[in-house]
Amino acid sequence: MNDLFNQIDDFFTHFKAATSENHPFFGELDYEYWQKFHVKHFTHHFKQFGLV
């Protein structure tokens, strides 16, 4: 679980300096789109494992 929190912290730290980041499938995404992507991605896996 600590790794997840570290990854989230890294995400916020990264976007303090960067305006966008490349996603291998969706291309350049800004901070807001990365947040939307993460919500959809997490929700997908939570449903996949019966957590929601």
PDB file of N, CA and C in Angstrom:
ATOM      1  N   MET A   1       0.826  -1.204   0.000  1.00  0.00           N
ATOM      2  CA  MET A   1       0.000   0.000   0.000  1.00  0.00           C
ATOM      3  C   MET A   1       0.862   1.256   0.000  1.00  0.00           C
ATOM      4  N   ASN A   2       2.014   1.187   0.672  1.00  0.00           N
ATOM      5  CA  ASN A   2       2.898   2.357   0.686  1.00  0.00           C
ATOM      6  C   ASN A   2       3.369   2.722  -0.715  1.00  0.00           C
ATOM      7  N   ASP A   3       3.579   1.714  -1.565  1.00  0.00           N
ATOM      8  CA  ASP A   3       4.000   1.995  -2.931  1.00  0.00           C
ATOM      9  C   ASP A   3       2.950   2.813  -3.673  1.00  0.00           C
ATOM     10  N   LEU A   4       1.677   2.489  -3.473  1.00  0.00           N
ATOM     11  CA  LEU A   4       0.604   3.258  -4.106  1.00  0.00           C
ATOM     12  C   LEU A   4       0.659   4.711  -3.667  1.00  0.00           C
ATOM     13  N   PHE A   5       0.814   4.947  -2.369  1.00  0.00           N
ATOM     14  CA  PHE A   5       0.887   6.323  -1.873  1.00  0.00           C
ATOM     15  C   PHE A   5       2.116   7.048  -2.412  1.00  0.00           C
ATOM     16  N   ASN A   6       3.229   6.332  -2.537  1.00  0.00           N
ATOM     17  CA  ASN A   6       4.429   6.939  -3.113  1.00  0.00           C
ATOM     18  C   ASN A   6       4.210   7.300  -4.573  1.00  0.00           C
ATOM     19  N   GLN A   7       3.536   6.433  -5.317  1.00  0.00           N
ATOM     20  CA  GLN A   7       3.249   6.709  -6.726  1.00  0.00           C
ATOM     21  C   GLN A   7       2.327   7.918  -6.870  1.00  0.00           C
ATOM     22  N   ILE A   8       1.353   8.038  -5.994  1.00  0.00           N
ATOM     23  CA  ILE A   8       0.443   9.194  -6.024  1.00  0.00           C
ATOM     24  C   ILE A   8       1.212  10.467  -5.726  1.00  0.00           C
ATOM     25  N   ASP A   9       2.075  10.431  -4.722  1.00  0.00           N
ATOM     26  CA  ASP A   9       2.910  11.594  -4.408  1.00  0.00           C
ATOM     27  C   ASP A   9       3.786  11.974  -5.596  1.00  0.00           C
ATOM     28  N   ASP A  10       4.378  10.975  -6.258  1.00  0.00           N
ATOM     29  CA  ASP A  10       5.208  11.233  -7.439  1.00  0.00           C
ATOM     30  C   ASP A  10       4.399  11.873  -8.562  1.00  0.00           C
ATOM     31  N   PHE A  11       3.162  11.433  -8.729  1.00  0.00           N
ATOM     32  CA  PHE A  11       2.274  11.997  -9.748  1.00  0.00           C
ATOM     33  C   PHE A  11       2.068  13.493  -9.500  1.00  0.00           C
ATOM     34  N   PHE A  12       1.728  13.851  -8.264  1.00  0.00           N
ATOM     35  CA  PHE A  12       1.511  15.267  -7.937  1.00  0.00           C
ATOM     36  C   PHE A  12       2.798  16.079  -8.082  1.00  0.00           C
ATOM     37  N   THR A  13       3.915  15.524  -7.650  1.00  0.00           N
ATOM     38  CA  THR A  13       5.195  16.214  -7.769  1.00  0.00           C
ATOM     39  C   THR A  13       5.549  16.438  -9.233  1.00  0.00           C
ATOM     40  N   HIS A  14       5.339  15.426 -10.057  1.00  0.00           N
ATOM     41  CA  HIS A  14       5.647  15.541 -11.490  1.00  0.00           C
ATOM     42  C   HIS A  14       4.871  16.683 -12.127  1.00  0.00           C
ATOM     43  N   PHE A  15       3.595  16.791 -11.818  1.00  0.00           N
ATOM     44  CA  PHE A  15       2.768  17.794 -12.486  1.00  0.00           C
ATOM     45  C   PHE A  15       2.884  19.181 -11.869  1.00  0.00           C
ATOM     46  N   LYS A  16       3.695  19.329 -10.833  1.00  0.00           N
ATOM     47  CA  LYS A  16       4.023  20.681 -10.372  1.00  0.00           C
ATOM     48  C   LYS A  16       4.965  21.346 -11.366  1.00  0.00           C
ATOM     49  N   ALA A  17       5.758  20.526 -12.065  1.00  0.00           N
ATOM     50  CA  ALA A  17       6.726  21.056 -13.026  1.00  0.00           C
ATOM     51  C   ALA A  17       6.294  20.857 -14.475  1.00  0.00           C
ATOM     52  N   ALA A  18       5.575  19.799 -14.767  1.00  0.00           N
ATOM     53  CA  ALA A  18       5.215  19.472 -16.157  1.00  0.00           C
ATOM     54  C   ALA A  18       3.793  19.936 -16.459  1.00  0.00           C
ATOM     55  N   THR A  19       3.570  20.333 -17.704  1.00  0.00           N
ATOM     56  CA  THR A  19       2.219  20.727 -18.112  1.00  0.00           C
ATOM     57  C   THR A  19       1.466  19.570 -18.753  1.00  0.00           C
ATOM     58  N   SER A  20       2.222  18.578 -19.282  1.00  0.00           N
ATOM     59  CA  SER A  20       1.594  17.404 -19.872  1.00  0.00           C
ATOM     60  C   SER A  20       2.588  16.255 -19.847  1.00  0.00           C
ATOM     61  N   GLU A  21       2.061  15.069 -20.123  1.00  0.00           N
ATOM     62  CA  GLU A  21       2.901  13.874 -20.161  1.00  0.00           C
ATOM     63  C   GLU A  21       2.320  12.935 -21.206  1.00  0.00           C
ATOM     64  N   ASN A  22       3.184  12.225 -21.886  1.00  0.00           N
ATOM     65  CA  ASN A  22       2.747  11.326 -22.945  1.00  0.00           C
ATOM     66  C   ASN A  22       2.214  10.013 -22.372  1.00  0.00           C
ATOM     67  N   HIS A  23       1.041   9.632 -22.837  1.00  0.00           N
ATOM     68  CA  HIS A  23       0.483   8.313 -22.542  1.00  0.00           C
ATOM     69  C   HIS A  23       0.710   7.479 -23.797  1.00  0.00           C
ATOM     70  N   PRO A  24       1.176   6.226 -23.641  1.00  0.00           N
ATOM     71  CA  PRO A  24       1.522   5.443 -24.835  1.00  0.00           C
ATOM     72  C   PRO A  24       0.360   5.190 -25.798  1.00  0.00           C
ATOM     73  N   PHE A  25      -0.861   5.208 -25.325  1.00  0.00           N
ATOM     74  CA  PHE A  25      -2.010   4.947 -26.188  1.00  0.00           C
ATOM     75  C   PHE A  25      -2.772   6.225 -26.527  1.00  0.00           C
ATOM     76  N   PHE A  26      -2.965   7.106 -25.538  1.00  0.00           N
ATOM     77  CA  PHE A  26      -3.799   8.295 -25.706  1.00  0.00           C
ATOM     78  C   PHE A  26      -3.026   9.546 -26.107  1.00  0.00           C
ATOM     79  N   GLY A  27      -1.696   9.485 -26.109  1.00  0.00           N
ATOM     80  CA  GLY A  27      -0.901  10.652 -26.484  1.00  0.00           C
ATOM     81  C   GLY A  27      -0.724  11.614 -25.325  1.00  0.00           C
ATOM     82  N   GLU A  28      -0.485  12.876 -25.657  1.00  0.00           N
ATOM     83  CA  GLU A  28      -0.227  13.897 -24.646  1.00  0.00           C
ATOM     84  C   GLU A  28      -1.485  14.173 -23.829  1.00  0.00           C
ATOM     85  N   LEU A  29      -1.343  14.050 -22.498  1.00  0.00           N
ATOM     86  CA  LEU A  29      -2.443  14.349 -21.584  1.00  0.00           C
ATOM     87  C   LEU A  29      -1.960  15.366 -20.559  1.00  0.00           C
ATOM     88  N   ASP A  30      -2.833  16.333 -20.245  1.00  0.00           N
ATOM     89  CA  ASP A  30      -2.479  17.264 -19.183  1.00  0.00           C
ATOM     90  C   ASP A  30      -2.923  16.688 -17.835  1.00  0.00           C
ATOM     91  N   TYR A  31      -2.667  17.430 -16.794  1.00  0.00           N
ATOM     92  CA  TYR A  31      -2.950  16.982 -15.424  1.00  0.00           C
ATOM     93  C   TYR A  31      -4.398  16.528 -15.264  1.00  0.00           C
ATOM     94  N   GLU A  32      -5.350  17.326 -15.742  1.00  0.00           N
ATOM     95  CA  GLU A  32      -6.770  16.994 -15.578  1.00  0.00           C
ATOM     96  C   GLU A  32      -7.137  15.698 -16.303  1.00  0.00           C
ATOM     97  N   TYR A  33      -6.628  15.501 -17.499  1.00  0.00           N
ATOM     98  CA  TYR A  33      -6.937  14.281 -18.240  1.00  0.00           C
ATOM     99  C   TYR A  33      -6.281  13.058 -17.612  1.00  0.00           C
ATOM    100  N   TRP A  34      -5.057  13.245 -17.062  1.00  0.00           N
ATOM    101  CA  TRP A  34      -4.438  12.128 -16.353  1.00  0.00           C
ATOM    102  C   TRP A  34      -5.275  11.738 -15.151  1.00  0.00           C
ATOM    103  N   GLN A  35      -5.834  12.710 -14.432  1.00  0.00           N
ATOM    104  CA  GLN A  35      -6.695  12.397 -13.288  1.00  0.00           C
ATOM    105  C   GLN A  35      -7.929  11.621 -13.749  1.00  0.00           C
ATOM    106  N   LYS A  36      -8.558  12.068 -14.824  1.00  0.00           N
ATOM    107  CA  LYS A  36      -9.732  11.365 -15.356  1.00  0.00           C
ATOM    108  C   LYS A  36      -9.378   9.939 -15.762  1.00  0.00           C
ATOM    109  N   PHE A  37      -8.231   9.787 -16.426  1.00  0.00           N
ATOM    110  CA  PHE A  37      -7.784   8.465 -16.836  1.00  0.00           C
ATOM    111  C   PHE A  37      -7.588   7.557 -15.627  1.00  0.00           C
ATOM    112  N   HIS A  38      -6.939   8.062 -14.581  1.00  0.00           N
ATOM    113  CA  HIS A  38      -6.683   7.250 -13.396  1.00  0.00           C
ATOM    114  C   HIS A  38      -7.982   6.817 -12.720  1.00  0.00           C
ATOM    115  N   VAL A  39      -8.952   7.703 -12.647  1.00  0.00           N
ATOM    116  CA  VAL A  39     -10.243   7.344 -12.048  1.00  0.00           C
ATOM    117  C   VAL A  39     -10.888   6.211 -12.844  1.00  0.00           C
ATOM    118  N   LYS A  40     -10.915   6.343 -14.157  1.00  0.00           N
ATOM    119  CA  LYS A  40     -11.513   5.300 -14.999  1.00  0.00           C
ATOM    120  C   LYS A  40     -10.730   3.991 -14.903  1.00  0.00           C
ATOM    121  N   HIS A  41      -9.410   4.082 -14.869  1.00  0.00           N
ATOM    122  CA  HIS A  41      -8.566   2.902 -14.805  1.00  0.00           C
ATOM    123  C   HIS A  41      -8.730   2.173 -13.467  1.00  0.00           C
ATOM    124  N   PHE A  42      -8.692   2.933 -12.370  1.00  0.00           N
ATOM    125  CA  PHE A  42      -8.896   2.327 -11.053  1.00  0.00           C
ATOM    126  C   PHE A  42     -10.276   1.703 -10.949  1.00  0.00           C
ATOM    127  N   THR A  43     -11.295   2.408 -11.424  1.00  0.00           N
ATOM    128  CA  THR A  43     -12.661   1.890 -11.373  1.00  0.00           C
ATOM    129  C   THR A  43     -12.768   0.586 -12.151  1.00  0.00           C
ATOM    130  N   HIS A  44     -12.143   0.529 -13.309  1.00  0.00           N
ATOM    131  CA  HIS A  44     -12.143  -0.692 -14.112  1.00  0.00           C
ATOM    132  C   HIS A  44     -11.579  -1.863 -13.307  1.00  0.00           C
ATOM    133  N   HIS A  45     -10.438  -1.666 -12.669  1.00  0.00           N
ATOM    134  CA  HIS A  45      -9.820  -2.756 -11.914  1.00  0.00           C
ATOM    135  C   HIS A  45     -10.595  -3.080 -10.637  1.00  0.00           C
ATOM    136  N   PHE A  46     -11.166  -2.089 -10.013  1.00  0.00           N
ATOM    137  CA  PHE A  46     -11.990  -2.357  -8.823  1.00  0.00           C
ATOM    138  C   PHE A  46     -13.186  -3.217  -9.200  1.00  0.00           C
ATOM    139  N   LYS A  47     -13.818  -2.916 -10.335  1.00  0.00           N
ATOM    140  CA  LYS A  47     -14.936  -3.750 -10.812  1.00  0.00           C
ATOM    141  C   LYS A  47     -14.447  -5.124 -11.195  1.00  0.00           C
ATOM    142  N   GLN A  48     -13.299  -5.189 -11.831  1.00  0.00           N
ATOM    143  CA  GLN A  48     -12.729  -6.456 -12.279  1.00  0.00           C
ATOM    144  C   GLN A  48     -12.532  -7.417 -11.091  1.00  0.00           C
ATOM    145  N   PHE A  49     -12.153  -6.869  -9.944  1.00  0.00           N
ATOM    146  CA  PHE A  49     -11.894  -7.700  -8.771  1.00  0.00           C
ATOM    147  C   PHE A  49     -13.035  -7.672  -7.764  1.00  0.00           C
ATOM    148  N   GLY A  50     -14.195  -7.140  -8.185  1.00  0.00           N
ATOM    149  CA  GLY A  50     -15.381  -7.167  -7.343  1.00  0.00           C
ATOM    150  C   GLY A  50     -15.309  -6.278  -6.113  1.00  0.00           C
ATOM    151  N   LEU A  51     -14.553  -5.177  -6.209  1.00  0.00           N
ATOM    152  CA  LEU A  51     -14.406  -4.275  -5.067  1.00  0.00           C
ATOM    153  C   LEU A  51     -15.465  -3.184  -5.062  1.00  0.00           C
ATOM    154  N   VAL A  52     -16.082  -2.932  -6.222  1.00  0.00           N
ATOM    155  CA  VAL A  52     -17.186  -1.956  -6.309  1.00  0.00           C
ATOM    156  C   VAL A  52     -18.322  -2.552  -7.099  1.00  0.00           C
TER     157      VAL A  52
END
